[in-house]
């Protein structure tokens, strides 16, 4: 019991805090955290549409590379079409998200 005439003894030790980290009041719900995670993942992906014929050739080329072979399955024309599709999709989907690199002036 605190002595009503004593003004300093009990207060010099301060108030006892609760256990754990203090609450900030800005905690996110699980749904908010998941939505933020999905949005961040979406920024890292690009969806590319490729012709099925080109896809089969690309698949065969990638398997050959994986298996350590040096077989060229794709023709340069097909490889160019795939590269064009990838670049077109990346430019379209990433427009406004990242600054485009400046072209170097020709000397």
PDB file of N, CA and C in Angstrom:
ATOM      1  N   UNK A   1       0.840  -1.171   0.000  1.00  0.00           N
ATOM      2  CA  UNK A   1       0.000   0.000   0.000  1.00  0.00           C
ATOM      3  C   UNK A   1       0.882   1.230   0.000  1.00  0.00           C
ATOM      4  N   UNK A   2       0.499   2.180  -0.816  1.00  0.00           N
ATOM      5  CA  UNK A   2       1.294   3.378  -0.955  1.00  0.00           C
ATOM      6  C   UNK A   2       0.900   4.381   0.123  1.00  0.00           C
ATOM      7  N   UNK A   3       1.934   4.949   0.692  1.00  0.00           N
ATOM      8  CA  UNK A   3       1.709   5.971   1.714  1.00  0.00           C
ATOM      9  C   UNK A   3       1.293   7.255   1.008  1.00  0.00           C
ATOM     10  N   UNK A   4       0.162   7.797   1.360  1.00  0.00           N
ATOM     11  CA  UNK A   4      -0.359   8.988   0.700  1.00  0.00           C
ATOM     12  C   UNK A   4       0.489  10.221   0.973  1.00  0.00           C
ATOM     13  N   UNK A   5       1.285  10.203   2.018  1.00  0.00           N
ATOM     14  CA  UNK A   5       2.134  11.351   2.322  1.00  0.00           C
ATOM     15  C   UNK A   5       3.492  11.236   1.621  1.00  0.00           C
ATOM     16  N   UNK A   6       3.840  10.030   1.177  1.00  0.00           N
ATOM     17  CA  UNK A   6       5.131   9.823   0.500  1.00  0.00           C
ATOM     18  C   UNK A   6       4.939  10.106  -0.995  1.00  0.00           C
ATOM     19  N   UNK A   7       5.651  11.101  -1.522  1.00  0.00           N
ATOM     20  CA  UNK A   7       5.461  11.531  -2.895  1.00  0.00           C
ATOM     21  C   UNK A   7       6.527  10.996  -3.869  1.00  0.00           C
ATOM     22  N   UNK A   8       7.612  10.355  -3.425  1.00  0.00           N
ATOM     23  CA  UNK A   8       8.685   9.996  -4.339  1.00  0.00           C
ATOM     24  C   UNK A   8       9.089   8.538  -4.373  1.00  0.00           C
ATOM     25  N   UNK A   9       8.871   7.794  -3.339  1.00  0.00           N
ATOM     26  CA  UNK A   9       9.430   6.451  -3.259  1.00  0.00           C
ATOM     27  C   UNK A   9       8.889   5.514  -4.331  1.00  0.00           C
ATOM     28  N   UNK A  10       7.599   5.414  -4.466  1.00  0.00           N
ATOM     29  CA  UNK A  10       7.019   4.482  -5.436  1.00  0.00           C
ATOM     30  C   UNK A  10       7.231   4.906  -6.869  1.00  0.00           C
ATOM     31  N   UNK A  11       7.290   6.185  -7.125  1.00  0.00           N
ATOM     32  CA  UNK A  11       7.402   6.686  -8.490  1.00  0.00           C
ATOM     33  C   UNK A  11       8.832   6.685  -9.020  1.00  0.00           C
ATOM     34  N   UNK A  12       9.813   6.550  -8.152  1.00  0.00           N
ATOM     35  CA  UNK A  12      11.182   6.617  -8.637  1.00  0.00           C
ATOM     36  C   UNK A  12      11.580   5.359  -9.402  1.00  0.00           C
ATOM     37  N   UNK A  13      10.853   4.281  -9.261  1.00  0.00           N
ATOM     38  CA  UNK A  13      11.154   3.056  -9.997  1.00  0.00           C
ATOM     39  C   UNK A  13      10.388   2.956 -11.310  1.00  0.00           C
ATOM     40  N   UNK A  14       9.440   3.810 -11.544  1.00  0.00           N
ATOM     41  CA  UNK A  14       8.673   3.803 -12.772  1.00  0.00           C
ATOM     42  C   UNK A  14       7.583   2.745 -12.751  1.00  0.00           C
ATOM     43  N   UNK A  15       6.780   2.759 -13.790  1.00  0.00           N
ATOM     44  CA  UNK A  15       5.704   1.779 -13.889  1.00  0.00           C
ATOM     45  C   UNK A  15       6.232   0.499 -14.506  1.00  0.00           C
ATOM     46  N   UNK A  16       5.713  -0.609 -14.070  1.00  0.00           N
ATOM     47  CA  UNK A  16       6.127  -1.891 -14.613  1.00  0.00           C
ATOM     48  C   UNK A  16       5.466  -2.097 -15.973  1.00  0.00           C
ATOM     49  N   UNK A  17       6.291  -2.400 -16.976  1.00  0.00           N
ATOM     50  CA  UNK A  17       5.775  -2.638 -18.320  1.00  0.00           C
ATOM     51  C   UNK A  17       5.349  -4.089 -18.464  1.00  0.00           C
ATOM     52  N   UNK A  18       4.473  -4.294 -19.441  1.00  0.00           N
ATOM     53  CA  UNK A  18       4.066  -5.655 -19.765  1.00  0.00           C
ATOM     54  C   UNK A  18       5.152  -6.387 -20.530  1.00  0.00           C
ATOM     55  N   UNK A  19       4.987  -7.685 -20.706  1.00  0.00           N
ATOM     56  CA  UNK A  19       5.970  -8.489 -21.421  1.00  0.00           C
ATOM     57  C   UNK A  19       5.838  -8.290 -22.926  1.00  0.00           C
ATOM     58  N   UNK A  20       6.948  -8.513 -23.641  1.00  0.00           N
ATOM     59  CA  UNK A  20       6.915  -8.493 -25.095  1.00  0.00           C
ATOM     60  C   UNK A  20       7.160  -7.124 -25.693  1.00  0.00           C
ATOM     61  N   UNK A  21       7.076  -7.104 -26.991  1.00  0.00           N
ATOM     62  CA  UNK A  21       7.298  -5.868 -27.736  1.00  0.00           C
ATOM     63  C   UNK A  21       6.047  -5.003 -27.667  1.00  0.00           C
ATOM     64  N   UNK A  22       6.212  -3.705 -27.478  1.00  0.00           N
ATOM     65  CA  UNK A  22       5.040  -2.832 -27.413  1.00  0.00           C
ATOM     66  C   UNK A  22       4.308  -2.776 -28.752  1.00  0.00           C
ATOM     67  N   UNK A  23       3.005  -2.662 -28.701  1.00  0.00           N
ATOM     68  CA  UNK A  23       2.194  -2.603 -29.915  1.00  0.00           C
ATOM     69  C   UNK A  23       2.287  -1.221 -30.535  1.00  0.00           C
ATOM     70  N   UNK A  24       2.364  -1.202 -31.896  1.00  0.00           N
ATOM     71  CA  UNK A  24       2.420   0.071 -32.615  1.00  0.00           C
ATOM     72  C   UNK A  24       1.052   0.474 -33.136  1.00  0.00           C
ATOM     73  N   UNK A  25       0.159  -0.492 -33.302  1.00  0.00           N
ATOM     74  CA  UNK A  25      -1.173  -0.199 -33.805  1.00  0.00           C
ATOM     75  C   UNK A  25      -1.258  -0.208 -35.318  1.00  0.00           C
ATOM     76  N   UNK A  26      -0.147  -0.537 -35.997  1.00  0.00           N
ATOM     77  CA  UNK A  26      -0.155  -0.546 -37.460  1.00  0.00           C
ATOM     78  C   UNK A  26       0.029  -1.951 -38.021  1.00  0.00           C
ATOM     79  N   UNK A  27      -0.299  -2.962 -37.257  1.00  0.00           N
ATOM     80  CA  UNK A  27      -0.126  -4.343 -37.711  1.00  0.00           C
ATOM     81  C   UNK A  27      -1.089  -4.652 -38.853  1.00  0.00           C
ATOM     82  N   UNK A  28      -0.613  -5.451 -39.829  1.00  0.00           N
ATOM     83  CA  UNK A  28      -1.443  -5.852 -40.962  1.00  0.00           C
ATOM     84  C   UNK A  28      -2.126  -7.178 -40.648  1.00  0.00           C
ATOM     85  N   UNK A  29      -3.277  -7.362 -41.248  1.00  0.00           N
ATOM     86  CA  UNK A  29      -3.960  -8.650 -41.113  1.00  0.00           C
ATOM     87  C   UNK A  29      -3.279  -9.654 -42.035  1.00  0.00           C
ATOM     88  N   UNK A  30      -3.602 -10.918 -41.870  1.00  0.00           N
ATOM     89  CA  UNK A  30      -3.039 -11.948 -42.732  1.00  0.00           C
ATOM     90  C   UNK A  30      -3.383 -11.723 -44.190  1.00  0.00           C
ATOM     91  N   UNK A  31      -4.610 -11.281 -44.465  1.00  0.00           N
ATOM     92  CA  UNK A  31      -5.032 -11.028 -45.844  1.00  0.00           C
ATOM     93  C   UNK A  31      -4.242  -9.868 -46.453  1.00  0.00           C
ATOM     94  N   UNK A  32      -3.963  -8.846 -45.665  1.00  0.00           N
ATOM     95  CA  UNK A  32      -3.186  -7.706 -46.170  1.00  0.00           C
ATOM     96  C   UNK A  32      -1.745  -8.112 -46.474  1.00  0.00           C
ATOM     97  N   UNK A  33      -1.168  -8.937 -45.600  1.00  0.00           N
ATOM     98  CA  UNK A  33       0.196  -9.414 -45.852  1.00  0.00           C
ATOM     99  C   UNK A  33       0.253 -10.281 -47.102  1.00  0.00           C
ATOM    100  N   UNK A  34      -0.741 -11.158 -47.277  1.00  0.00           N
ATOM    101  CA  UNK A  34      -0.785 -12.029 -48.450  1.00  0.00           C
ATOM    102  C   UNK A  34      -0.965 -11.218 -49.733  1.00  0.00           C
ATOM    103  N   UNK A  35      -1.818 -10.208 -49.703  1.00  0.00           N
ATOM    104  CA  UNK A  35      -2.040  -9.360 -50.877  1.00  0.00           C
ATOM    105  C   UNK A  35      -0.755  -8.617 -51.239  1.00  0.00           C
ATOM    106  N   UNK A  36      -0.029  -8.134 -50.260  1.00  0.00           N
ATOM    107  CA  UNK A  36       1.229  -7.443 -50.520  1.00  0.00           C
ATOM    108  C   UNK A  36       2.252  -8.400 -51.118  1.00  0.00           C
ATOM    109  N   UNK A  37       2.283  -9.635 -50.620  1.00  0.00           N
ATOM    110  CA  UNK A  37       3.202 -10.644 -51.149  1.00  0.00           C
ATOM    111  C   UNK A  37       2.878 -10.959 -52.607  1.00  0.00           C
ATOM    112  N   UNK A  38       1.599 -11.138 -52.909  1.00  0.00           N
ATOM    113  CA  UNK A  38       1.196 -11.442 -54.285  1.00  0.00           C
ATOM    114  C   UNK A  38       1.522 -10.285 -55.233  1.00  0.00           C
ATOM    115  N   UNK A  39       1.318  -9.067 -54.778  1.00  0.00           N
ATOM    116  CA  UNK A  39       1.628  -7.902 -55.612  1.00  0.00           C
ATOM    117  C   UNK A  39       3.129  -7.827 -55.885  1.00  0.00           C
ATOM    118  N   UNK A  40       3.928  -8.125 -54.882  1.00  0.00           N
ATOM    119  CA  UNK A  40       5.381  -8.103 -55.059  1.00  0.00           C
ATOM    120  C   UNK A  40       5.825  -9.206 -56.017  1.00  0.00           C
ATOM    121  N   UNK A  41       5.225 -10.386 -55.906  1.00  0.00           N
ATOM    122  CA  UNK A  41       5.553 -11.481 -56.814  1.00  0.00           C
ATOM    123  C   UNK A  41       5.135 -11.158 -58.245  1.00  0.00           C
ATOM    124  N   UNK A  42       4.011 -10.486 -58.410  1.00  0.00           N
ATOM    125  CA  UNK A  42       3.517 -10.135 -59.737  1.00  0.00           C
ATOM    126  C   UNK A  42       4.470  -9.177 -60.443  1.00  0.00           C
ATOM    127  N   UNK A  43       5.151  -8.335 -59.685  1.00  0.00           N
ATOM    128  CA  UNK A  43       6.105  -7.399 -60.272  1.00  0.00           C
ATOM    129  C   UNK A  43       7.305  -8.126 -60.868  1.00  0.00           C
ATOM    130  N   UNK A  44       7.610  -9.317 -60.369  1.00  0.00           N
ATOM    131  CA  UNK A  44       8.786 -10.044 -60.812  1.00  0.00           C
ATOM    132  C   UNK A  44       8.512 -10.978 -61.983  1.00  0.00           C
ATOM    133  N   UNK A  45       7.280 -11.109 -62.427  1.00  0.00           N
ATOM    134  CA  UNK A  45       6.931 -12.051 -63.481  1.00  0.00           C
ATOM    135  C   UNK A  45       6.490 -11.326 -64.739  1.00  0.00           C
ATOM    136  N   UNK A  46       6.758 -11.977 -65.880  1.00  0.00           N
ATOM    137  CA  UNK A  46       6.296 -11.492 -67.175  1.00  0.00           C
ATOM    138  C   UNK A  46       5.645 -12.668 -67.883  1.00  0.00           C
ATOM    139  N   UNK A  47       4.445 -12.483 -68.400  1.00  0.00           N
ATOM    140  CA  UNK A  47       3.745 -13.521 -69.137  1.00  0.00           C
ATOM    141  C   UNK A  47       4.009 -13.329 -70.620  1.00  0.00           C
ATOM    142  N   UNK A  48       4.503 -14.395 -71.267  1.00  0.00           N
ATOM    143  CA  UNK A  48       4.858 -14.335 -72.677  1.00  0.00           C
ATOM    144  C   UNK A  48       3.963 -15.297 -73.453  1.00  0.00           C
ATOM    145  N   UNK A  49       3.433 -14.848 -74.579  1.00  0.00           N
ATOM    146  CA  UNK A  49       2.623 -15.689 -75.448  1.00  0.00           C
ATOM    147  C   UNK A  49       3.479 -16.097 -76.641  1.00  0.00           C
ATOM    148  N   UNK A  50       3.641 -17.436 -76.804  1.00  0.00           N
ATOM    149  CA  UNK A  50       4.477 -17.977 -77.868  1.00  0.00           C
ATOM    150  C   UNK A  50       3.654 -18.976 -78.675  1.00  0.00           C
ATOM    151  N   UNK A  51       3.836 -18.981 -79.975  1.00  0.00           N
ATOM    152  CA  UNK A  51       3.196 -19.933 -80.870  1.00  0.00           C
ATOM    153  C   UNK A  51       3.541 -21.359 -80.426  1.00  0.00           C
ATOM    154  N   UNK A  52       2.583 -22.299 -80.523  1.00  0.00           N
ATOM    155  CA  UNK A  52       2.820 -23.675 -80.070  1.00  0.00           C
ATOM    156  C   UNK A  52       3.969 -24.344 -80.816  1.00  0.00           C
ATOM    157  N   UNK A  53       4.072 -24.092 -82.114  1.00  0.00           N
ATOM    158  CA  UNK A  53       5.184 -24.666 -82.874  1.00  0.00           C
ATOM    159  C   UNK A  53       6.524 -24.192 -82.354  1.00  0.00           C
ATOM    160  N   UNK A  54       6.607 -22.910 -82.027  1.00  0.00           N
ATOM    161  CA  UNK A  54       7.840 -22.371 -81.461  1.00  0.00           C
ATOM    162  C   UNK A  54       8.081 -22.917 -80.066  1.00  0.00           C
ATOM    163  N   UNK A  55       7.009 -23.130 -79.327  1.00  0.00           N
ATOM    164  CA  UNK A  55       7.131 -23.642 -77.971  1.00  0.00           C
ATOM    165  C   UNK A  55       7.744 -25.036 -77.965  1.00  0.00           C
ATOM    166  N   UNK A  56       7.315 -25.883 -78.905  1.00  0.00           N
ATOM    167  CA  UNK A  56       7.866 -27.235 -78.973  1.00  0.00           C
ATOM    168  C   UNK A  56       9.355 -27.188 -79.304  1.00  0.00           C
ATOM    169  N   UNK A  57       9.744 -26.322 -80.233  1.00  0.00           N
ATOM    170  CA  UNK A  57      11.156 -26.170 -80.565  1.00  0.00           C
ATOM    171  C   UNK A  57      11.956 -25.630 -79.403  1.00  0.00           C
ATOM    172  N   UNK A  58      11.395 -24.663 -78.689  1.00  0.00           N
ATOM    173  CA  UNK A  58      12.067 -24.098 -77.514  1.00  0.00           C
ATOM    174  C   UNK A  58      12.223 -25.145 -76.428  1.00  0.00           C
ATOM    175  N   UNK A  59      11.189 -25.952 -76.227  1.00  0.00           N
ATOM    176  CA  UNK A  59      11.245 -27.027 -75.237  1.00  0.00           C
ATOM    177  C   UNK A  59      12.354 -28.018 -75.579  1.00  0.00           C
ATOM    178  N   UNK A  60      12.427 -28.429 -76.851  1.00  0.00           N
ATOM    179  CA  UNK A  60      13.457 -29.367 -77.278  1.00  0.00           C
ATOM    180  C   UNK A  60      14.852 -28.771 -77.112  1.00  0.00           C
ATOM    181  N   UNK A  61      14.996 -27.467 -77.426  1.00  0.00           N
ATOM    182  CA  UNK A  61      16.289 -26.802 -77.276  1.00  0.00           C
ATOM    183  C   UNK A  61      16.707 -26.738 -75.810  1.00  0.00           C
ATOM    184  N   UNK A  62      15.777 -26.409 -74.944  1.00  0.00           N
ATOM    185  CA  UNK A  62      16.089 -26.324 -73.512  1.00  0.00           C
ATOM    186  C   UNK A  62      16.453 -27.689 -72.938  1.00  0.00           C
ATOM    187  N   UNK A  63      15.775 -28.753 -73.379  1.00  0.00           N
ATOM    188  CA  UNK A  63      16.126 -30.097 -72.923  1.00  0.00           C
ATOM    189  C   UNK A  63      17.518 -30.484 -73.403  1.00  0.00           C
ATOM    190  N   UNK A  64      17.849 -30.111 -74.641  1.00  0.00           N
ATOM    191  CA  UNK A  64      19.184 -30.409 -75.160  1.00  0.00           C
ATOM    192  C   UNK A  64      20.252 -29.683 -74.346  1.00  0.00           C
ATOM    193  N   UNK A  65      19.992 -28.442 -73.980  1.00  0.00           N
ATOM    194  CA  UNK A  65      20.942 -27.680 -73.159  1.00  0.00           C
ATOM    195  C   UNK A  65      21.065 -28.308 -71.781  1.00  0.00           C
ATOM    196  N   UNK A  66      19.935 -28.703 -71.202  1.00  0.00           N
ATOM    197  CA  UNK A  66      19.941 -29.309 -69.872  1.00  0.00           C
ATOM    198  C   UNK A  66      20.736 -30.609 -69.856  1.00  0.00           C
ATOM    199  N   UNK A  67      20.611 -31.393 -70.939  1.00  0.00           N
ATOM    200  CA  UNK A  67      21.289 -32.684 -71.003  1.00  0.00           C
ATOM    201  C   UNK A  67      22.754 -32.560 -71.404  1.00  0.00           C
ATOM    202  N   UNK A  68      23.211 -31.349 -71.640  1.00  0.00           N
ATOM    203  CA  UNK A  68      24.615 -31.132 -71.948  1.00  0.00           C
ATOM    204  C   UNK A  68      24.950 -31.294 -73.417  1.00  0.00           C
ATOM    205  N   UNK A  69      23.958 -31.434 -74.257  1.00  0.00           N
ATOM    206  CA  UNK A  69      24.203 -31.584 -75.686  1.00  0.00           C
ATOM    207  C   UNK A  69      24.439 -30.247 -76.352  1.00  0.00           C
ATOM    208  N   UNK A  70      25.047 -30.295 -77.507  1.00  0.00           N
ATOM    209  CA  UNK A  70      25.297 -29.062 -78.253  1.00  0.00           C
ATOM    210  C   UNK A  70      24.459 -29.030 -79.533  1.00  0.00           C
ATOM    211  N   UNK A  71      23.338 -29.742 -79.525  1.00  0.00           N
ATOM    212  CA  UNK A  71      22.471 -29.817 -80.688  1.00  0.00           C
ATOM    213  C   UNK A  71      21.681 -28.514 -80.807  1.00  0.00           C
ATOM    214  N   UNK A  72      21.641 -27.956 -81.994  1.00  0.00           N
ATOM    215  CA  UNK A  72      20.841 -26.763 -82.249  1.00  0.00           C
ATOM    216  C   UNK A  72      19.511 -27.201 -82.842  1.00  0.00           C
ATOM    217  N   UNK A  73      18.458 -27.072 -82.065  1.00  0.00           N
ATOM    218  CA  UNK A  73      17.129 -27.463 -82.506  1.00  0.00           C
ATOM    219  C   UNK A  73      16.411 -26.290 -83.147  1.00  0.00           C
ATOM    220  N   UNK A  74      16.592 -25.110 -82.597  1.00  0.00           N
ATOM    221  CA  UNK A  74      15.928 -23.917 -83.107  1.00  0.00           C
ATOM    222  C   UNK A  74      16.717 -23.307 -84.264  1.00  0.00           C
ATOM    223  N   UNK A  75      16.015 -22.876 -85.254  1.00  0.00           N
ATOM    224  CA  UNK A  75      16.661 -22.126 -86.335  1.00  0.00           C
ATOM    225  C   UNK A  75      16.828 -20.693 -85.868  1.00  0.00           C
ATOM    226  N   UNK A  76      17.720 -19.952 -86.470  1.00  0.00           N
ATOM    227  CA  UNK A  76      17.886 -18.544 -86.075  1.00  0.00           C
ATOM    228  C   UNK A  76      16.594 -17.732 -86.227  1.00  0.00           C
ATOM    229  N   UNK A  77      15.777 -18.064 -87.227  1.00  0.00           N
ATOM    230  CA  UNK A  77      14.511 -17.340 -87.410  1.00  0.00           C
ATOM    231  C   UNK A  77      13.562 -17.596 -86.252  1.00  0.00           C
ATOM    232  N   UNK A  78      13.461 -18.876 -85.840  1.00  0.00           N
ATOM    233  CA  UNK A  78      12.582 -19.215 -84.718  1.00  0.00           C
ATOM    234  C   UNK A  78      13.082 -18.571 -83.428  1.00  0.00           C
ATOM    235  N   UNK A  79      14.398 -18.615 -83.218  1.00  0.00           N
ATOM    236  CA  UNK A  79      14.965 -17.991 -82.024  1.00  0.00           C
ATOM    237  C   UNK A  79      14.677 -16.490 -82.023  1.00  0.00           C
ATOM    238  N   UNK A  80      14.745 -15.868 -83.189  1.00  0.00           N
ATOM    239  CA  UNK A  80      14.440 -14.439 -83.290  1.00  0.00           C
ATOM    240  C   UNK A  80      12.990 -14.139 -82.968  1.00  0.00           C
ATOM    241  N   UNK A  81      12.078 -15.010 -83.406  1.00  0.00           N
ATOM    242  CA  UNK A  81      10.654 -14.813 -83.110  1.00  0.00           C
ATOM    243  C   UNK A  81      10.387 -14.943 -81.606  1.00  0.00           C
ATOM    244  N   UNK A  82      11.028 -15.923 -80.988  1.00  0.00           N
ATOM    245  CA  UNK A  82      10.855 -16.108 -79.537  1.00  0.00           C
ATOM    246  C   UNK A  82      11.409 -14.902 -78.795  1.00  0.00           C
ATOM    247  N   UNK A  83      12.579 -14.437 -79.185  1.00  0.00           N
ATOM    248  CA  UNK A  83      13.179 -13.267 -78.548  1.00  0.00           C
ATOM    249  C   UNK A  83      12.296 -12.035 -78.718  1.00  0.00           C
ATOM    250  N   UNK A  84      11.724 -11.878 -79.891  1.00  0.00           N
ATOM    251  CA  UNK A  84      10.833 -10.748 -80.146  1.00  0.00           C
ATOM    252  C   UNK A  84       9.602 -10.818 -79.244  1.00  0.00           C
ATOM    253  N   UNK A  85       9.029 -12.015 -79.072  1.00  0.00           N
ATOM    254  CA  UNK A  85       7.855 -12.184 -78.204  1.00  0.00           C
ATOM    255  C   UNK A  85       8.190 -11.867 -76.752  1.00  0.00           C
ATOM    256  N   UNK A  86       9.364 -12.301 -76.313  1.00  0.00           N
ATOM    257  CA  UNK A  86       9.779 -12.034 -74.924  1.00  0.00           C
ATOM    258  C   UNK A  86       9.972 -10.537 -74.714  1.00  0.00           C
ATOM    259  N   UNK A  87      10.671  -9.892 -75.621  1.00  0.00           N
ATOM    260  CA  UNK A  87      10.925  -8.449 -75.478  1.00  0.00           C
ATOM    261  C   UNK A  87       9.632  -7.643 -75.537  1.00  0.00           C
ATOM    262  N   UNK A  88       8.738  -8.028 -76.443  1.00  0.00           N
ATOM    263  CA  UNK A  88       7.472  -7.313 -76.581  1.00  0.00           C
ATOM    264  C   UNK A  88       6.646  -7.425 -75.297  1.00  0.00           C
ATOM    265  N   UNK A  89       6.585  -8.637 -74.748  1.00  0.00           N
ATOM    266  CA  UNK A  89       5.817  -8.846 -73.518  1.00  0.00           C
ATOM    267  C   UNK A  89       6.437  -8.099 -72.344  1.00  0.00           C
ATOM    268  N   UNK A  90       7.758  -8.152 -72.244  1.00  0.00           N
ATOM    269  CA  UNK A  90       8.397  -7.478 -71.111  1.00  0.00           C
ATOM    270  C   UNK A  90       8.222  -5.965 -71.194  1.00  0.00           C
ATOM    271  N   UNK A  91       8.340  -5.400 -72.403  1.00  0.00           N
ATOM    272  CA  UNK A  91       8.149  -3.957 -72.534  1.00  0.00           C
ATOM    273  C   UNK A  91       6.714  -3.564 -72.214  1.00  0.00           C
ATOM    274  N   UNK A  92       5.768  -4.367 -72.675  1.00  0.00           N
ATOM    275  CA  UNK A  92       4.353  -4.057 -72.473  1.00  0.00           C
ATOM    276  C   UNK A  92       3.970  -4.145 -70.997  1.00  0.00           C
ATOM    277  N   UNK A  93       4.438  -5.187 -70.312  1.00  0.00           N
ATOM    278  CA  UNK A  93       4.029  -5.411 -68.935  1.00  0.00           C
ATOM    279  C   UNK A  93       4.833  -4.602 -67.931  1.00  0.00           C
ATOM    280  N   UNK A  94       6.041  -4.279 -68.247  1.00  0.00           N
ATOM    281  CA  UNK A  94       6.877  -3.546 -67.300  1.00  0.00           C
ATOM    282  C   UNK A  94       6.892  -2.046 -67.555  1.00  0.00           C
ATOM    283  N   UNK A  95       6.130  -1.578 -68.534  1.00  0.00           N
ATOM    284  CA  UNK A  95       6.074  -0.154 -68.845  1.00  0.00           C
ATOM    285  C   UNK A  95       5.558   0.607 -67.630  1.00  0.00           C
ATOM    286  N   UNK A  96       6.268   1.623 -67.261  1.00  0.00           N
ATOM    287  CA  UNK A  96       5.848   2.449 -66.136  1.00  0.00           C
ATOM    288  C   UNK A  96       6.365   1.955 -64.801  1.00  0.00           C
ATOM    289  N   UNK A  97       6.897   0.739 -64.737  1.00  0.00           N
ATOM    290  CA  UNK A  97       7.397   0.229 -63.464  1.00  0.00           C
ATOM    291  C   UNK A  97       8.872   0.527 -63.272  1.00  0.00           C
ATOM    292  N   UNK A  98       9.638   0.426 -64.349  1.00  0.00           N
ATOM    293  CA  UNK A  98      11.070   0.659 -64.267  1.00  0.00           C
ATOM    294  C   UNK A  98      11.466   1.679 -65.319  1.00  0.00           C
ATOM    295  N   UNK A  99      12.435   2.501 -65.011  1.00  0.00           N
ATOM    296  CA  UNK A  99      12.885   3.453 -66.030  1.00  0.00           C
ATOM    297  C   UNK A  99      13.596   2.714 -67.153  1.00  0.00           C
ATOM    298  N   UNK A 100      13.329   3.131 -68.373  1.00  0.00           N
ATOM    299  CA  UNK A 100      13.964   2.505 -69.530  1.00  0.00           C
ATOM    300  C   UNK A 100      15.400   3.013 -69.616  1.00  0.00           C
ATOM    301  N   UNK A 101      16.328   2.132 -69.974  1.00  0.00           N
ATOM    302  CA  UNK A 101      17.720   2.600 -70.102  1.00  0.00           C
ATOM    303  C   UNK A 101      17.857   3.568 -71.260  1.00  0.00           C
ATOM    304  N   UNK A 102      18.679   4.573 -71.065  1.00  0.00           N
ATOM    305  CA  UNK A 102      18.883   5.589 -72.085  1.00  0.00           C
ATOM    306  C   UNK A 102      19.771   5.020 -73.189  1.00  0.00           C
ATOM    307  N   UNK A 103      19.429   5.313 -74.428  1.00  0.00           N
ATOM    308  CA  UNK A 103      20.246   4.886 -75.552  1.00  0.00           C
ATOM    309  C   UNK A 103      21.536   5.680 -75.567  1.00  0.00           C
ATOM    310  N   UNK A 104      22.629   4.977 -75.858  1.00  0.00           N
ATOM    311  CA  UNK A 104      23.918   5.651 -75.901  1.00  0.00           C
ATOM    312  C   UNK A 104      24.028   6.438 -77.213  1.00  0.00           C
ATOM    313  N   UNK A 105      24.477   7.661 -77.152  1.00  0.00           N
ATOM    314  CA  UNK A 105      24.625   8.443 -78.385  1.00  0.00           C
ATOM    315  C   UNK A 105      25.723   7.844 -79.263  1.00  0.00           C
ATOM    316  N   UNK A 106      25.464   7.837 -80.564  1.00  0.00           N
ATOM    317  CA  UNK A 106      26.450   7.313 -81.495  1.00  0.00           C
ATOM    318  C   UNK A 106      27.552   8.329 -81.699  1.00  0.00           C
ATOM    319  N   UNK A 107      28.768   7.784 -81.704  1.00  0.00           N
ATOM    320  CA  UNK A 107      29.923   8.668 -81.848  1.00  0.00           C
ATOM    321  C   UNK A 107      30.315   8.858 -83.294  1.00  0.00           C
TER     322      UNK A 107
END
